[in-house]
Amino acid sequence: MPRKKNTAKPTGEHIDFEQALQELESLVENLETREFSLEESLKNFERGITLTRICQTALTAAEQKVRVLTENEGRISLEPFEVLDKPQSND
């Protein structure tokens, strides 16, 4: 079976939720349907973890924003908040 090169993007880049989710879905599909060497599999797994963290961070930020908007006695206002968990690059 032909092997596909790892096309994962380098860690430390800034991509949005939709891009991270799309790349994660593609990565999972490739891992399920293709054969990779152990080294390639580990690189792909590491990239998957990074993408998962990006998605989790974006979802947490969106959830916090929704809470701020809905818990202010019905008035719409944005208040600053800190992101709880930032993805760490594995450079």
N, C-alpha and C. Protein backbone atom coordinates (compact mmCIF):
# COMPACT_ATOMS: atom_id res chain seq x y z
N MET A 1 0.85 -1.17 0.00
CA MET A 1 0.00 0.00 0.00
C MET A 1 0.90 1.24 0.00
N PRO A 2 0.66 2.20 -0.90
CA PRO A 2 1.52 3.39 -0.92
C PRO A 2 1.35 4.22 0.33
N ARG A 3 2.44 4.79 0.75
CA ARG A 3 2.41 5.62 1.95
C ARG A 3 2.32 7.08 1.56
N LYS A 4 1.51 7.81 2.27
CA LYS A 4 1.34 9.24 2.03
C LYS A 4 2.28 9.99 2.95
N LYS A 5 2.93 11.00 2.42
CA LYS A 5 3.82 11.82 3.24
C LYS A 5 3.02 12.57 4.27
N ASN A 6 3.65 12.84 5.39
CA ASN A 6 3.03 13.62 6.45
C ASN A 6 2.95 15.07 5.98
N THR A 7 1.73 15.56 5.80
CA THR A 7 1.53 16.93 5.34
C THR A 7 1.11 17.85 6.48
N ALA A 8 1.30 17.40 7.71
CA ALA A 8 0.91 18.21 8.86
C ALA A 8 1.71 19.50 8.88
N LYS A 9 1.04 20.56 9.31
CA LYS A 9 1.67 21.87 9.39
C LYS A 9 2.51 21.94 10.65
N PRO A 10 3.53 22.78 10.67
CA PRO A 10 4.37 22.88 11.86
C PRO A 10 3.59 23.40 13.06
N THR A 11 3.99 22.96 14.24
CA THR A 11 3.32 23.44 15.44
C THR A 11 3.72 24.88 15.70
N GLY A 12 2.95 25.58 16.51
CA GLY A 12 3.25 26.96 16.83
C GLY A 12 2.56 27.94 15.90
N GLU A 13 1.92 27.45 14.86
CA GLU A 13 1.22 28.34 13.95
C GLU A 13 -0.14 28.70 14.54
N HIS A 14 -0.74 29.73 14.01
CA HIS A 14 -2.05 30.15 14.49
C HIS A 14 -3.08 29.83 13.42
N ILE A 15 -3.94 28.87 13.74
CA ILE A 15 -5.03 28.52 12.83
C ILE A 15 -6.33 28.60 13.60
N ASP A 16 -7.42 28.82 12.89
CA ASP A 16 -8.69 28.95 13.58
C ASP A 16 -9.32 27.57 13.83
N PHE A 17 -10.42 27.59 14.56
CA PHE A 17 -11.09 26.35 14.96
C PHE A 17 -11.46 25.49 13.76
N GLU A 18 -12.07 26.10 12.74
CA GLU A 18 -12.53 25.34 11.59
C GLU A 18 -11.37 24.68 10.85
N GLN A 19 -10.26 25.40 10.69
CA GLN A 19 -9.08 24.83 10.03
C GLN A 19 -8.52 23.67 10.86
N ALA A 20 -8.42 23.86 12.17
CA ALA A 20 -7.89 22.81 13.04
C ALA A 20 -8.78 21.58 13.01
N LEU A 21 -10.08 21.77 13.07
CA LEU A 21 -11.01 20.65 13.06
C LEU A 21 -10.94 19.89 11.73
N GLN A 22 -10.88 20.63 10.63
CA GLN A 22 -10.81 20.00 9.31
C GLN A 22 -9.51 19.18 9.18
N GLU A 23 -8.40 19.76 9.61
CA GLU A 23 -7.13 19.04 9.54
C GLU A 23 -7.15 17.82 10.46
N LEU A 24 -7.75 17.95 11.63
CA LEU A 24 -7.84 16.83 12.57
C LEU A 24 -8.66 15.70 11.98
N GLU A 25 -9.79 16.03 11.36
CA GLU A 25 -10.63 15.01 10.73
C GLU A 25 -9.86 14.28 9.62
N SER A 26 -9.13 15.03 8.82
CA SER A 26 -8.34 14.44 7.74
C SER A 26 -7.24 13.54 8.30
N LEU A 27 -6.60 14.00 9.34
CA LEU A 27 -5.53 13.24 9.98
C LEU A 27 -6.05 11.91 10.53
N VAL A 28 -7.18 11.95 11.20
CA VAL A 28 -7.77 10.73 11.76
C VAL A 28 -8.14 9.77 10.63
N GLU A 29 -8.73 10.29 9.57
CA GLU A 29 -9.09 9.44 8.43
C GLU A 29 -7.85 8.77 7.84
N ASN A 30 -6.77 9.54 7.68
CA ASN A 30 -5.54 8.96 7.15
C ASN A 30 -4.96 7.90 8.07
N LEU A 31 -4.99 8.14 9.37
CA LEU A 31 -4.47 7.17 10.32
C LEU A 31 -5.29 5.87 10.31
N GLU A 32 -6.59 6.00 10.04
CA GLU A 32 -7.46 4.83 10.01
C GLU A 32 -7.35 4.03 8.71
N THR A 33 -7.01 4.69 7.60
CA THR A 33 -7.07 4.04 6.30
C THR A 33 -5.71 3.78 5.65
N ARG A 34 -4.65 4.33 6.18
CA ARG A 34 -3.33 4.18 5.56
C ARG A 34 -2.36 3.53 6.54
N GLU A 35 -1.28 3.03 5.97
CA GLU A 35 -0.22 2.47 6.80
C GLU A 35 0.91 3.49 6.89
N PHE A 36 1.37 3.74 8.10
CA PHE A 36 2.47 4.66 8.34
C PHE A 36 3.54 3.93 9.13
N SER A 37 4.76 4.38 8.97
CA SER A 37 5.83 3.87 9.82
C SER A 37 5.56 4.33 11.25
N LEU A 38 6.27 3.74 12.18
CA LEU A 38 6.10 4.13 13.58
C LEU A 38 6.41 5.61 13.76
N GLU A 39 7.49 6.08 13.14
CA GLU A 39 7.88 7.49 13.25
C GLU A 39 6.80 8.41 12.68
N GLU A 40 6.28 8.06 11.51
CA GLU A 40 5.22 8.87 10.89
C GLU A 40 3.96 8.85 11.75
N SER A 41 3.63 7.70 12.29
CA SER A 41 2.45 7.59 13.15
C SER A 41 2.58 8.47 14.38
N LEU A 42 3.75 8.48 14.99
CA LEU A 42 3.97 9.31 16.17
C LEU A 42 3.89 10.79 15.83
N LYS A 43 4.45 11.19 14.69
CA LYS A 43 4.36 12.59 14.26
C LYS A 43 2.91 12.99 14.03
N ASN A 44 2.16 12.11 13.37
CA ASN A 44 0.74 12.39 13.12
C ASN A 44 -0.05 12.44 14.42
N PHE A 45 0.26 11.54 15.35
CA PHE A 45 -0.42 11.54 16.65
C PHE A 45 -0.12 12.84 17.40
N GLU A 46 1.14 13.26 17.38
CA GLU A 46 1.53 14.51 18.04
C GLU A 46 0.79 15.70 17.43
N ARG A 47 0.68 15.73 16.11
CA ARG A 47 -0.04 16.80 15.44
C ARG A 47 -1.52 16.76 15.84
N GLY A 48 -2.07 15.57 15.94
CA GLY A 48 -3.46 15.42 16.36
C GLY A 48 -3.70 15.99 17.75
N ILE A 49 -2.78 15.75 18.65
CA ILE A 49 -2.90 16.29 20.00
C ILE A 49 -2.86 17.82 19.96
N THR A 50 -1.95 18.38 19.17
CA THR A 50 -1.87 19.84 19.04
C THR A 50 -3.17 20.40 18.48
N LEU A 51 -3.72 19.78 17.45
CA LEU A 51 -4.97 20.24 16.85
C LEU A 51 -6.13 20.13 17.84
N THR A 52 -6.14 19.05 18.62
CA THR A 52 -7.19 18.88 19.63
C THR A 52 -7.13 19.99 20.66
N ARG A 53 -5.94 20.36 21.07
CA ARG A 53 -5.78 21.45 22.05
C ARG A 53 -6.24 22.79 21.47
N ILE A 54 -5.93 23.02 20.20
CA ILE A 54 -6.39 24.25 19.54
C ILE A 54 -7.92 24.30 19.56
N CYS A 55 -8.55 23.18 19.21
CA CYS A 55 -10.02 23.12 19.18
C CYS A 55 -10.60 23.31 20.58
N GLN A 56 -10.02 22.64 21.57
CA GLN A 56 -10.52 22.77 22.94
C GLN A 56 -10.40 24.20 23.45
N THR A 57 -9.30 24.85 23.14
CA THR A 57 -9.10 26.24 23.56
C THR A 57 -10.13 27.15 22.92
N ALA A 58 -10.38 26.97 21.63
CA ALA A 58 -11.37 27.79 20.92
C ALA A 58 -12.77 27.55 21.49
N LEU A 59 -13.11 26.30 21.77
CA LEU A 59 -14.43 26.00 22.33
C LEU A 59 -14.59 26.59 23.73
N THR A 60 -13.54 26.52 24.53
CA THR A 60 -13.59 27.09 25.88
C THR A 60 -13.79 28.60 25.81
N ALA A 61 -13.06 29.26 24.90
CA ALA A 61 -13.21 30.71 24.75
C ALA A 61 -14.62 31.07 24.29
N ALA A 62 -15.17 30.30 23.36
CA ALA A 62 -16.53 30.56 22.87
C ALA A 62 -17.54 30.35 24.00
N GLU A 63 -17.35 29.31 24.79
CA GLU A 63 -18.26 29.04 25.91
C GLU A 63 -18.21 30.17 26.93
N GLN A 64 -17.02 30.67 27.22
CA GLN A 64 -16.89 31.76 28.17
C GLN A 64 -17.56 33.02 27.65
N LYS A 65 -17.42 33.27 26.36
CA LYS A 65 -18.04 34.45 25.76
C LYS A 65 -19.56 34.35 25.83
N VAL A 66 -20.10 33.17 25.57
CA VAL A 66 -21.55 32.95 25.65
C VAL A 66 -22.03 33.16 27.09
N ARG A 67 -21.28 32.65 28.04
CA ARG A 67 -21.66 32.83 29.45
C ARG A 67 -21.69 34.31 29.83
N VAL A 68 -20.68 35.04 29.41
CA VAL A 68 -20.62 36.47 29.73
C VAL A 68 -21.82 37.18 29.12
N LEU A 69 -22.17 36.81 27.89
CA LEU A 69 -23.29 37.45 27.21
C LEU A 69 -24.63 37.11 27.85
N THR A 70 -24.79 35.89 28.32
CA THR A 70 -26.09 35.46 28.83
C THR A 70 -26.27 35.65 30.33
N GLU A 71 -25.21 35.83 31.07
CA GLU A 71 -25.32 35.95 32.52
C GLU A 71 -25.29 37.39 33.01
N ASN A 72 -25.55 38.33 32.16
CA ASN A 72 -25.49 39.73 32.54
C ASN A 72 -26.89 40.33 32.59
N GLU A 73 -27.81 39.63 33.26
CA GLU A 73 -29.18 40.08 33.45
C GLU A 73 -29.86 40.46 32.14
N GLY A 74 -29.60 39.70 31.11
CA GLY A 74 -30.26 39.93 29.84
C GLY A 74 -29.67 41.02 28.99
N ARG A 75 -28.75 41.80 29.54
CA ARG A 75 -28.11 42.86 28.76
C ARG A 75 -26.90 42.28 28.03
N ILE A 76 -26.70 42.71 26.82
CA ILE A 76 -25.56 42.23 26.06
C ILE A 76 -24.37 43.14 26.30
N SER A 77 -23.33 42.56 26.85
CA SER A 77 -22.07 43.28 27.03
C SER A 77 -20.94 42.26 27.07
N LEU A 78 -19.82 42.66 26.56
CA LEU A 78 -18.65 41.79 26.59
C LEU A 78 -17.72 42.26 27.69
N GLU A 79 -17.17 41.29 28.41
CA GLU A 79 -16.21 41.59 29.44
C GLU A 79 -14.96 40.78 29.17
N PRO A 80 -13.81 41.31 29.50
CA PRO A 80 -12.58 40.55 29.24
C PRO A 80 -12.50 39.31 30.12
N PHE A 81 -11.88 38.29 29.59
CA PHE A 81 -11.65 37.07 30.35
C PHE A 81 -10.35 36.45 29.89
N GLU A 82 -9.81 35.57 30.71
CA GLU A 82 -8.56 34.90 30.38
C GLU A 82 -8.87 33.52 29.83
N VAL A 83 -8.12 33.11 28.83
CA VAL A 83 -8.25 31.76 28.30
C VAL A 83 -7.59 30.83 29.31
N LEU A 84 -8.31 29.78 29.70
CA LEU A 84 -7.82 28.90 30.75
C LEU A 84 -6.66 28.03 30.30
N ASP A 85 -6.70 27.54 29.07
CA ASP A 85 -5.74 26.55 28.63
C ASP A 85 -5.23 26.90 27.25
N LYS A 86 -4.01 27.34 27.13
CA LYS A 86 -3.43 27.66 25.82
C LYS A 86 -2.66 26.47 25.31
N PRO A 87 -2.78 26.16 24.00
CA PRO A 87 -2.00 25.04 23.46
C PRO A 87 -0.51 25.37 23.52
N GLN A 88 0.26 24.35 23.84
CA GLN A 88 1.71 24.54 23.90
C GLN A 88 2.32 23.92 22.67
N SER A 89 3.27 24.62 22.07
CA SER A 89 3.94 24.05 20.91
C SER A 89 5.00 23.06 21.39
N ASN A 90 5.26 22.08 20.56
CA ASN A 90 6.24 21.06 20.88
C ASN A 90 7.48 21.22 20.02
N ASP A 91 7.92 22.44 19.85
CA ASP A 91 9.08 22.71 18.99
C ASP A 91 10.35 22.19 19.62
